[in-house]
Protein backbone atom coordinates (compact mmCIF):
# COMPACT_ATOMS: atom_id res chain seq x y z
CA MET A 1 129.28 109.23 52.88
CA LYS A 2 127.65 105.97 54.04
CA SER A 3 130.82 104.17 54.59
CA ALA A 4 132.28 106.84 56.83
CA LYS A 5 131.42 106.45 60.61
CA ARG A 6 130.00 109.97 61.04
CA VAL A 7 126.71 110.57 62.61
CA LEU A 8 124.54 113.72 63.21
CA LEU A 9 122.77 113.42 66.73
CA GLY A 10 119.71 115.41 67.73
CA MET A 11 120.79 116.25 71.42
CA SER A 12 118.06 117.83 73.62
CA GLY A 13 120.06 117.72 76.79
CA GLY A 14 117.91 115.01 78.21
CA THR A 15 119.16 111.67 79.56
CA ASP A 16 118.29 109.49 76.30
CA SER A 17 120.01 111.63 73.79
CA SER A 18 122.87 112.23 75.99
CA VAL A 19 123.36 108.55 76.58
CA ALA A 20 122.87 108.09 72.80
CA ALA A 21 125.88 110.29 72.15
CA MET A 22 127.92 108.14 74.63
CA LEU A 23 126.92 104.83 72.97
CA LEU A 24 127.57 106.02 69.44
CA GLN A 25 131.07 107.44 70.27
CA GLU A 26 131.69 104.08 72.03
CA ALA A 27 130.68 102.20 68.97
CA GLY A 28 133.37 104.22 66.98
CA TYR A 29 131.28 106.87 65.49
CA GLU A 30 132.31 110.34 65.12
CA VAL A 31 129.49 112.23 66.57
CA THR A 32 128.38 115.87 65.93
CA GLY A 33 125.65 117.00 68.24
CA VAL A 34 122.75 119.48 66.99
CA THR A 35 120.30 121.02 69.46
CA PHE A 36 117.19 122.49 67.78
CA ARG A 37 115.86 125.74 69.15
CA PHE A 38 112.04 124.93 68.34
CA TYR A 39 110.41 126.98 70.98
CA ASP A 40 111.47 129.11 73.73
CA SER A 41 109.78 127.03 76.60
CA GLU A 42 110.73 127.25 80.23
CA GLY A 43 113.80 125.20 80.90
CA PHE A 44 115.12 125.31 77.35
CA GLU A 45 118.32 127.34 78.16
CA GLU A 46 119.09 124.96 80.97
CA SER A 47 118.64 121.99 78.63
CA LEU A 48 120.78 123.69 75.98
CA ASP A 49 123.53 124.16 78.59
CA ASP A 50 123.37 120.57 79.52
CA ALA A 51 123.71 119.60 75.96
CA ARG A 52 126.72 121.91 75.41
CA ASN A 53 128.37 120.73 78.47
CA LEU A 54 127.85 117.02 77.63
CA ALA A 55 129.24 117.59 74.19
CA SER A 56 132.35 119.33 75.60
CA ARG A 57 133.05 116.38 78.12
CA LEU A 58 132.80 113.96 75.22
CA ASN A 59 134.83 116.25 73.06
CA ILE A 60 132.30 116.19 70.29
CA PRO A 61 131.20 119.22 68.03
CA HIS A 62 128.00 120.70 69.03
CA ILE A 63 125.79 123.16 67.11
CA ILE A 64 122.55 124.98 67.87
CA TYR A 65 119.97 125.29 64.95
CA ASP A 66 117.27 127.94 65.18
CA ALA A 67 114.18 126.41 63.90
CA ARG A 68 111.79 128.57 65.68
CA GLU A 69 110.15 130.31 62.52
CA LEU A 70 109.75 126.90 60.93
CA PHE A 71 108.40 125.22 64.11
CA ARG A 72 105.90 128.15 64.45
CA GLU A 73 104.80 127.86 61.06
CA ARG A 74 104.49 124.11 60.63
CA ILE A 75 103.68 123.04 63.93
CA ILE A 76 102.25 125.49 66.19
CA ARG A 77 99.94 127.03 63.41
CA TYR A 78 98.88 123.62 62.68
CA PHE A 79 98.14 122.86 66.35
CA VAL A 80 95.95 125.94 66.62
CA ASP A 81 94.16 125.60 63.27
CA GLU A 82 93.33 121.97 64.06
CA TYR A 83 91.55 122.82 67.31
CA LEU A 84 89.81 125.82 65.55
CA SER A 85 88.64 123.41 62.87
CA ALA A 86 87.11 121.14 65.54
CA ARG A 87 89.70 118.48 65.11
CA THR A 88 92.35 117.10 67.66
CA PRO A 89 96.00 117.54 66.45
CA VAL A 90 98.99 115.15 66.97
CA PRO A 91 101.82 117.51 66.99
CA CYS A 92 104.39 115.01 68.19
CA THR A 93 103.68 112.90 65.25
CA LEU A 94 103.89 115.75 62.74
CA CYS A 95 107.11 117.13 64.05
CA ASN A 96 108.82 113.80 64.12
CA ASN A 97 107.68 112.81 60.60
CA GLU A 98 107.90 116.26 58.85
CA LEU A 99 110.17 118.31 60.80
CA LYS A 100 112.82 116.74 63.17
CA TRP A 101 114.03 113.85 61.26
CA PRO A 102 113.84 115.62 57.85
CA LEU A 103 115.81 118.55 59.28
CA LEU A 104 118.36 116.20 60.83
CA ALA A 105 118.88 114.76 57.31
CA LYS A 106 119.02 118.22 55.63
CA ILE A 107 121.66 119.53 58.04
CA ALA A 108 123.64 116.15 57.83
CA ASP A 109 123.62 116.49 53.98
CA GLU A 110 124.93 120.14 54.18
CA MET A 111 127.81 118.71 56.62
CA GLY A 112 128.59 115.69 54.44
CA ILE A 113 127.28 113.31 57.03
CA TYR A 114 125.09 110.20 56.08
CA TRP A 115 124.08 108.85 59.44
CA ILE A 116 121.40 110.59 61.59
CA SER A 117 120.44 109.71 65.06
CA THR A 118 118.32 110.70 68.30
CA GLY A 119 117.46 109.20 71.64
CA HIS A 120 114.21 107.57 70.45
CA TYR A 121 113.40 104.28 72.06
CA VAL A 122 112.81 102.27 68.86
CA ARG A 123 114.65 99.78 66.71
CA LYS A 124 115.20 99.48 63.03
CA VAL A 125 115.04 96.30 61.00
CA PHE A 126 115.40 95.31 57.23
CA ARG A 127 112.76 93.13 55.86
CA ASP A 128 112.15 92.03 52.23
CA GLY A 129 113.83 95.19 50.82
CA TYR A 130 112.23 97.62 53.33
CA TYR A 131 113.41 99.23 56.46
CA PHE A 132 110.88 99.08 59.30
CA ILE A 133 110.56 100.80 62.75
CA ALA A 134 110.32 98.15 65.45
CA PRO A 135 109.44 98.22 69.16
CA ALA A 136 112.16 99.00 71.67
CA ALA A 137 113.40 96.55 74.41
CA ASP A 138 111.74 98.89 76.86
CA ARG A 139 108.13 98.66 75.70
CA ASP A 140 107.28 101.14 78.45
CA LYS A 141 109.20 103.81 76.56
CA ASP A 142 108.61 102.70 73.02
CA GLN A 143 108.02 105.57 70.65
CA THR A 144 107.18 103.83 67.40
CA PHE A 145 103.77 105.50 67.46
CA PHE A 146 105.11 108.77 66.48
CA LEU A 147 107.27 107.58 63.55
CA TRP A 148 104.75 106.00 61.07
CA GLY A 149 105.07 108.76 58.54
CA LEU A 150 108.99 108.48 57.93
CA GLN A 151 110.07 107.59 54.37
CA GLN A 152 112.69 104.97 53.29
CA ASN A 153 115.10 107.83 52.46
CA ILE A 154 115.08 108.74 56.19
CA LEU A 155 114.66 105.20 57.83
CA GLU A 156 117.84 103.86 55.97
CA ARG A 157 120.11 106.60 57.40
CA MET A 158 118.93 106.29 61.06
CA LEU A 159 120.97 105.00 63.85
CA LEU A 160 119.01 103.98 66.99
CA PRO A 161 121.36 103.29 69.77
CA MET A 162 118.57 103.28 72.61
CA GLY A 163 116.37 100.56 71.08
CA ASP A 164 118.01 97.84 72.83
CA TRP A 165 118.23 99.48 76.41
CA THR A 166 115.71 99.93 79.02
CA LYS A 167 115.37 103.36 80.78
CA ASN A 168 116.91 101.91 84.10
CA GLU A 169 119.78 100.67 82.18
CA VAL A 170 120.25 103.92 80.35
CA ARG A 171 120.34 105.72 83.79
CA ALA A 172 122.71 103.27 85.30
CA TYR A 173 125.08 103.63 82.44
CA ALA A 174 125.12 107.43 82.57
CA ALA A 175 125.90 107.18 86.27
CA LYS A 176 128.53 104.61 85.50
CA ARG A 177 130.24 106.97 83.18
CA GLY A 178 130.34 109.64 85.79
CA PHE A 179 127.44 111.77 84.44
CA GLU A 180 125.18 111.77 87.49
CA ARG A 181 123.09 114.86 86.33
CA THR A 182 122.39 113.17 83.27
CA ALA A 183 121.40 109.90 84.97
CA THR A 184 119.02 111.57 87.34
CA LYS A 185 117.13 114.03 84.90
CA LYS A 186 113.45 113.95 84.77
CA ASP A 187 111.84 112.62 81.56
CA SER A 188 110.08 115.30 79.41
CA LEU A 189 106.46 114.62 79.32
CA GLY A 190 103.59 115.95 76.96
CA VAL A 191 103.68 118.43 74.20
CA CYS A 192 106.95 120.59 74.50
CA PHE A 193 105.45 123.95 73.63
CA CYS A 194 102.26 123.29 75.40
CA PRO A 195 102.98 121.81 78.92
CA MET A 196 99.95 123.37 80.36
CA ASP A 197 96.44 122.80 79.46
CA TYR A 198 95.92 123.34 75.71
CA ARG A 199 92.95 125.65 76.38
CA SER A 200 95.08 128.05 78.15
CA PHE A 201 97.53 127.88 75.11
CA LEU A 202 94.84 128.64 72.50
CA GLN A 203 93.55 131.55 74.64
CA ARG A 204 97.17 132.97 74.61
CA GLU A 205 97.63 132.14 70.89
CA VAL A 206 94.39 133.14 69.37
CA PRO A 207 92.92 136.64 69.41
CA GLN A 208 89.75 136.81 71.60
CA ASP A 209 87.62 137.97 68.54
CA ALA A 210 88.76 134.84 66.59
CA LEU A 211 87.25 132.49 69.23
CA PRO A 212 83.74 131.38 69.11
CA GLY A 213 82.45 132.25 72.54
CA LYS A 214 80.00 130.34 74.50
CA GLY A 215 78.00 127.66 72.79
CA GLN A 216 75.30 125.05 73.53
CA PHE A 217 75.52 121.42 74.80
CA PHE A 218 73.05 119.09 73.40
CA ASP A 219 72.33 115.28 73.83
CA GLU A 220 71.95 113.13 70.79
CA SER A 221 68.17 113.77 70.68
CA GLY A 222 68.75 117.47 70.29
CA THR A 223 67.86 118.31 73.90
CA PHE A 224 69.60 121.40 75.45
CA LEU A 225 71.74 120.53 78.34
CA GLY A 226 73.70 123.60 79.07
CA TRP A 227 76.27 126.21 78.02
CA HIS A 228 79.93 125.60 77.10
CA GLU A 229 82.96 127.84 76.72
CA GLY A 230 83.39 127.32 72.78
CA TYR A 231 83.82 124.25 70.70
CA PRO A 232 87.70 124.33 70.46
CA PHE A 233 88.08 123.79 74.13
CA TYR A 234 86.52 120.22 73.96
CA THR A 235 87.82 116.95 72.25
CA ILE A 236 85.99 113.69 71.21
CA GLY A 237 85.76 111.37 74.40
CA GLN A 238 86.27 114.13 76.88
CA ARG A 239 84.46 113.52 80.10
CA ARG A 240 86.12 115.73 82.80
CA GLY A 241 86.03 119.63 82.67
CA LEU A 242 82.77 119.96 80.86
CA GLY A 243 81.42 122.41 83.47
CA ILE A 244 78.23 120.68 83.31
CA HIS A 245 76.57 118.65 86.02
CA LEU A 246 73.99 115.83 85.19
CA ASN A 247 73.07 112.69 87.06
CA ARG A 248 74.84 110.47 84.75
CA PRO A 249 78.32 110.36 82.99
CA VAL A 250 78.28 111.90 79.51
CA PHE A 251 81.31 112.34 77.07
CA VAL A 252 81.80 114.48 74.03
CA LYS A 253 80.41 112.58 71.00
CA GLU A 254 80.41 115.16 68.34
CA ILE A 255 81.63 118.92 67.75
CA HIS A 256 79.89 120.96 65.42
CA LYS A 257 82.02 123.98 64.42
CA GLU A 258 79.66 125.90 62.19
CA ARG A 259 76.78 126.00 65.08
CA ASN A 260 79.36 126.16 67.85
CA GLU A 261 77.54 122.95 69.20
CA VAL A 262 78.95 120.00 71.35
CA ILE A 263 76.98 116.79 71.50
CA LEU A 264 77.34 114.83 74.57
CA ALA A 265 76.43 111.06 75.07
CA PRO A 266 76.87 108.02 77.21
CA LEU A 267 80.13 106.13 76.36
CA ALA A 268 78.26 103.47 74.74
CA SER A 269 77.34 105.93 71.78
CA LEU A 270 81.09 106.66 71.23
CA TYR A 271 82.01 103.33 69.80
CA LYS A 272 82.67 102.98 66.10
CA GLU A 273 83.63 99.94 63.89
CA GLU A 274 85.42 101.64 60.97
CA MET A 275 87.23 104.96 60.16
CA LEU A 276 88.90 106.77 57.22
CA LEU A 277 92.52 107.97 57.17
CA LYS A 278 94.19 110.63 55.12
CA ASP A 279 97.56 111.62 54.54
CA TRP A 280 98.67 108.08 55.17
CA ASN A 281 101.99 106.29 54.66
CA ILE A 282 102.56 102.61 54.17
CA VAL A 283 106.14 100.87 54.30
CA ASP A 284 105.09 97.63 52.39
CA THR A 285 101.52 97.38 51.17
CA SER A 286 101.88 93.73 50.80
CA ARG A 287 102.17 93.49 54.56
CA LEU A 288 99.26 95.75 55.29
CA LEU A 289 96.39 95.70 52.72
CA ASN A 290 93.60 93.31 53.30
CA SER A 291 95.66 91.36 55.90
CA GLU A 292 93.81 89.84 58.65
CA ASP A 293 96.74 90.08 61.14
CA VAL A 294 97.05 93.97 61.42
CA ILE A 295 96.88 95.76 64.69
CA VAL A 296 95.90 99.37 64.92
CA ARG A 297 96.52 101.86 67.52
CA ILE A 298 94.89 105.32 68.00
CA ARG A 299 96.53 106.18 71.22
CA TYR A 300 100.25 106.11 72.25
CA ARG A 301 99.87 103.66 74.95
CA LYS A 302 97.91 100.65 76.16
CA GLN A 303 95.59 100.21 73.29
CA ALA A 304 95.55 97.92 70.27
CA ASN A 305 92.65 96.54 68.04
CA HIS A 306 92.92 94.06 64.93
CA CYS A 307 91.58 95.40 61.73
CA THR A 308 91.42 95.18 58.10
CA VAL A 309 92.88 97.93 55.79
CA SER A 310 91.98 98.73 52.28
CA ILE A 311 92.27 101.81 49.95
CA THR A 312 88.98 103.52 48.83
CA ASP A 313 88.40 104.96 45.38
CA GLU A 314 89.21 108.40 46.79
CA ASN A 315 92.61 107.21 47.99
CA LEU A 316 91.80 107.12 51.70
CA LEU A 317 92.49 104.20 53.95
CA HIS A 318 89.49 102.46 55.22
CA VAL A 319 89.93 100.76 58.47
CA LEU A 320 87.40 98.04 59.47
CA LEU A 321 87.78 97.24 63.21
CA ARG A 322 87.34 93.65 64.35
CA GLU A 323 85.95 95.00 67.62
CA PRO A 324 84.22 98.40 68.07
CA LEU A 325 86.66 101.34 69.52
CA GLU A 326 85.43 104.27 71.53
CA SER A 327 86.54 107.97 71.05
CA ILE A 328 87.87 108.04 67.47
CA ALA A 329 88.76 111.67 66.90
CA SER A 330 89.10 113.49 63.66
CA GLY A 331 92.77 114.65 63.40
CA GLN A 332 94.29 112.07 65.53
CA ALA A 333 96.72 109.52 64.26
CA ALA A 334 96.40 105.84 63.68
CA ALA A 335 99.34 103.67 63.51
CA PHE A 336 99.57 100.11 62.23
CA TYR A 337 101.54 97.08 63.29
CA ASP A 338 102.02 93.50 62.51
CA GLU A 339 101.70 90.84 65.20
CA ALA A 340 105.57 90.86 65.80
CA GLY A 341 105.39 94.65 66.30
CA LEU A 342 106.75 96.01 63.18
CA LEU A 343 105.38 99.50 62.40
CA LEU A 344 103.53 98.99 58.95
CA GLY A 345 102.46 102.70 58.56
CA GLY A 346 99.70 105.01 59.55
CA GLY A 347 97.65 108.03 58.70
CA ILE A 348 95.43 110.81 60.03
CA ILE A 349 91.83 110.00 60.99
CA LEU A 350 89.27 112.04 59.10
């Protein structure tokens, strides 16, 4: 299968995956497009029509794969359960690493296709016997942060045509090819199934009697500050939307599920010098463990800290930060990079 130039491409109907289809076809690949029906969000049918129409114009096969039940079970249930457990979920990371890419590989296997692809803005490189995800040419669109959990059996099959392109170049290319609608489509932002504030989503998804109701705000010394709407509606580091008015800025420092309490503190109290990670994945341990040149990111954009990483006796990753970092939230992801930007792995913050 590997020698055949056949590829299964995830097509959302957006600009990036549409141009990916054109580039793969231009490179001589026999492309089959698949659109996943993960969630019946507003605008999905329109995006589905766009994917269908593009496939028709390019004369490539297109299939629709109904994964709604799987998505609800694996992603939405996780999303809700994490907030109810006083943690902050990372649904896009989980979806990419445990659902979208493995599902692409599964369908490709069933169709006798080796290569799999999407419109992700990342590159793939081979170093010392391992495949790594590397940053895209367009650092503003770079999506490496979401892919730290992918295994070698997935990485080796990935084709990533968008890695060497900027978004502006992609739009210009689509327009030049005569796909004006594709060239001018807006980027999708945020969590696909929860474009609104996640609190409204929780109120809709969780029965009222399963939510904790009002609870108490305290400061670090235990002084009562006021009432809140229930611990699931707050995240570590949050400042806005607390519904409490003090004469000083305060942030969510801790969330105590059992007592339905939220601890507020000045920003200086939110800094930590270390963290532990579970459910981790490392591409090549020799590049990551105990190295002095590792960079960790706990946010998708504009944040990077040098650190040293080791494995504890409990098989957790211990991350010692060179400089303290604020708002480290349980449930969030941490991704590791080397100085050149290679994605070395990652894990979930305890």
